[in-house]
């Protein structure tokens, strides 16, 4: 599997030649920036954190770890999960630059998304030598022995 190339940059920065697909991942349009100046390929606002989470976080560095945990939970919601799947497809096709208007992109939702996209996709463990049901914890036989007949 090819290595995923995902970067995080400020939407206000000049585009780089190797940006690949440029996707704004903020819910709100960046202040003072025209659509032409942004030079976006996509605006994926549905993947952005909820207003409540964004407001609580306020880009306070000491809250970033908790913000990332809560945001990852939000990304399991159907609309966000679908948007995240779309970003995965873009990342699989070539370089992807996630854009944000925040002053510190390294502690932004875009940084969390970048980490998620860089992780290997999670698939259920499959072992060809054993049926799937034997790997599931809920199928462990009850304790005790079976009475001989």
Protein backbone atom coordinates (compact mmCIF):
# COMPACT_ATOMS: atom_id res chain seq x y z
CA UNK A 1 0.00 0.00 0.00
CA UNK A 2 1.37 3.43 -0.93
CA UNK A 3 2.17 5.92 1.79
CA UNK A 4 -0.51 8.56 2.24
CA UNK A 5 0.75 12.13 1.69
CA UNK A 6 -1.39 14.49 3.77
CA UNK A 7 -0.31 17.99 4.79
CA UNK A 8 -1.91 20.68 6.93
CA UNK A 9 -1.55 24.33 5.97
CA UNK A 10 -3.22 27.65 6.53
CA UNK A 11 -5.66 28.58 3.80
CA UNK A 12 -4.13 32.07 3.77
CA UNK A 13 -0.71 30.70 2.72
CA UNK A 14 0.30 30.77 -0.92
CA UNK A 15 -0.35 27.35 -2.57
CA UNK A 16 2.67 25.12 -3.09
CA UNK A 17 3.27 23.25 -6.35
CA UNK A 18 3.12 19.89 -4.58
CA UNK A 19 -0.08 20.52 -2.59
CA UNK A 20 -2.12 18.06 -4.62
CA UNK A 21 -5.83 18.35 -3.83
CA UNK A 22 -6.48 21.42 -1.66
CA UNK A 23 -9.42 20.97 0.71
CA UNK A 24 -10.74 23.49 3.22
CA UNK A 25 -11.94 21.56 6.27
CA UNK A 26 -13.37 24.45 8.32
CA UNK A 27 -17.11 24.89 8.80
CA UNK A 28 -16.90 28.67 8.33
CA UNK A 29 -15.44 30.48 5.33
CA UNK A 30 -12.13 32.23 6.21
CA UNK A 31 -12.48 35.95 6.87
CA UNK A 32 -11.20 38.31 4.24
CA UNK A 33 -10.40 35.59 1.70
CA UNK A 34 -12.06 35.45 -1.69
CA UNK A 35 -12.91 32.10 -3.23
CA UNK A 36 -10.55 32.84 -6.10
CA UNK A 37 -7.65 33.64 -3.74
CA UNK A 38 -8.20 30.43 -1.75
CA UNK A 39 -7.58 28.24 -4.82
CA UNK A 40 -9.47 25.28 -3.40
CA UNK A 41 -10.39 22.04 -5.02
CA UNK A 42 -13.05 21.31 -2.39
CA UNK A 43 -14.66 22.80 0.70
CA UNK A 44 -15.56 19.92 3.00
CA UNK A 45 -17.41 21.69 5.80
CA UNK A 46 -19.34 18.58 6.83
CA UNK A 47 -16.16 17.02 8.25
CA UNK A 48 -15.56 19.99 10.59
CA UNK A 49 -16.13 19.71 14.34
CA UNK A 50 -19.49 20.75 15.73
CA UNK A 51 -19.98 24.39 16.68
CA UNK A 52 -20.28 23.32 20.32
CA UNK A 53 -16.96 21.47 20.28
CA UNK A 54 -15.18 24.22 18.35
CA UNK A 55 -16.48 26.87 20.76
CA UNK A 56 -15.51 24.83 23.83
CA UNK A 57 -12.02 24.22 22.45
CA UNK A 58 -11.27 27.81 21.48
CA UNK A 59 -7.84 26.63 20.22
CA UNK A 60 -6.52 26.51 23.77
CA UNK A 61 -3.36 24.38 23.53
CA UNK A 62 -4.00 22.75 26.92
CA UNK A 63 -7.37 21.45 25.62
CA UNK A 64 -6.04 19.99 22.36
CA UNK A 65 -5.76 16.36 23.49
CA UNK A 66 -9.32 16.36 24.83
CA UNK A 67 -10.52 18.22 21.73
CA UNK A 68 -8.90 15.57 19.51
CA UNK A 69 -10.55 12.77 21.51
CA UNK A 70 -14.00 14.39 21.30
CA UNK A 71 -13.56 15.25 17.63
CA UNK A 72 -12.63 11.66 16.78
CA UNK A 73 -15.89 10.62 18.44
CA UNK A 74 -17.83 13.13 16.35
CA UNK A 75 -16.23 11.75 13.19
CA UNK A 76 -18.13 8.50 13.77
CA UNK A 77 -21.43 10.33 13.11
CA UNK A 78 -22.82 9.37 9.67
CA UNK A 79 -22.44 12.72 7.88
CA UNK A 80 -18.91 13.27 9.18
CA UNK A 81 -17.93 9.65 8.57
CA UNK A 82 -19.04 9.97 4.96
CA UNK A 83 -17.04 13.18 4.53
CA UNK A 84 -14.00 11.51 6.12
CA UNK A 85 -14.34 8.61 3.68
CA UNK A 86 -14.27 11.15 0.83
CA UNK A 87 -11.05 12.62 2.22
CA UNK A 88 -9.58 9.09 2.42
CA UNK A 89 -10.34 8.62 -1.28
CA UNK A 90 -8.66 11.91 -2.16
CA UNK A 91 -5.62 11.00 -0.04
CA UNK A 92 -5.37 7.59 -1.71
CA UNK A 93 -5.37 9.26 -5.13
CA UNK A 94 -2.38 11.50 -4.42
CA UNK A 95 -1.11 14.34 -2.24
CA UNK A 96 -3.78 16.01 -0.12
CA UNK A 97 -3.49 19.37 1.62
CA UNK A 98 -5.99 20.05 4.39
CA UNK A 99 -6.53 23.77 4.79
CA UNK A 100 -7.67 25.69 7.84
CA UNK A 101 -7.97 29.34 8.76
CA UNK A 102 -6.70 28.82 12.31
CA UNK A 103 -3.51 30.58 13.34
CA UNK A 104 -1.99 27.38 14.72
CA UNK A 105 -2.76 24.57 12.27
CA UNK A 106 -0.71 22.10 14.31
CA UNK A 107 -3.44 22.14 17.01
CA UNK A 108 -6.44 22.30 14.68
CA UNK A 109 -9.12 19.92 13.51
CA UNK A 110 -7.13 19.66 10.26
CA UNK A 111 -4.20 18.23 12.26
CA UNK A 112 -6.49 15.62 13.82
CA UNK A 113 -7.82 14.71 10.37
CA UNK A 114 -4.29 14.43 9.03
CA UNK A 115 -3.38 11.99 11.81
CA UNK A 116 -6.49 9.92 11.14
CA UNK A 117 -5.84 9.79 7.40
CA UNK A 118 -2.22 8.74 8.00
CA UNK A 119 -3.32 5.80 10.16
CA UNK A 120 -3.80 2.44 8.50
CA UNK A 121 -7.47 1.79 7.80
CA UNK A 122 -9.04 -0.33 10.48
CA UNK A 123 -10.42 -3.61 9.18
CA UNK A 124 -11.74 -6.44 11.29
CA UNK A 125 -9.03 -8.97 11.96
CA UNK A 126 -9.40 -11.88 9.61
CA UNK A 127 -7.49 -15.10 10.03
CA UNK A 128 -7.71 -17.47 7.09
CA UNK A 129 -6.84 -20.48 9.25
CA UNK A 130 -9.83 -20.00 11.58
CA UNK A 131 -13.46 -19.01 11.09
CA UNK A 132 -14.24 -15.40 12.01
CA UNK A 133 -16.49 -16.39 14.92
CA UNK A 134 -13.54 -17.83 16.86
CA UNK A 135 -11.84 -14.43 16.93
CA UNK A 136 -14.82 -12.64 18.43
CA UNK A 137 -14.77 -12.28 22.22
CA UNK A 138 -18.56 -12.74 22.40
CA UNK A 139 -18.32 -16.27 21.03
CA UNK A 140 -16.05 -17.69 23.74
CA UNK A 141 -17.69 -20.81 25.15
CA UNK A 142 -19.05 -20.67 28.68
CA UNK A 143 -16.74 -21.96 31.37
CA UNK A 144 -17.11 -25.51 32.54
CA UNK A 145 -16.98 -28.74 30.67
CA UNK A 146 -19.66 -30.44 28.66
CA UNK A 147 -21.11 -33.52 30.31
CA UNK A 148 -20.15 -36.75 28.60
CA UNK A 149 -23.09 -38.56 27.09
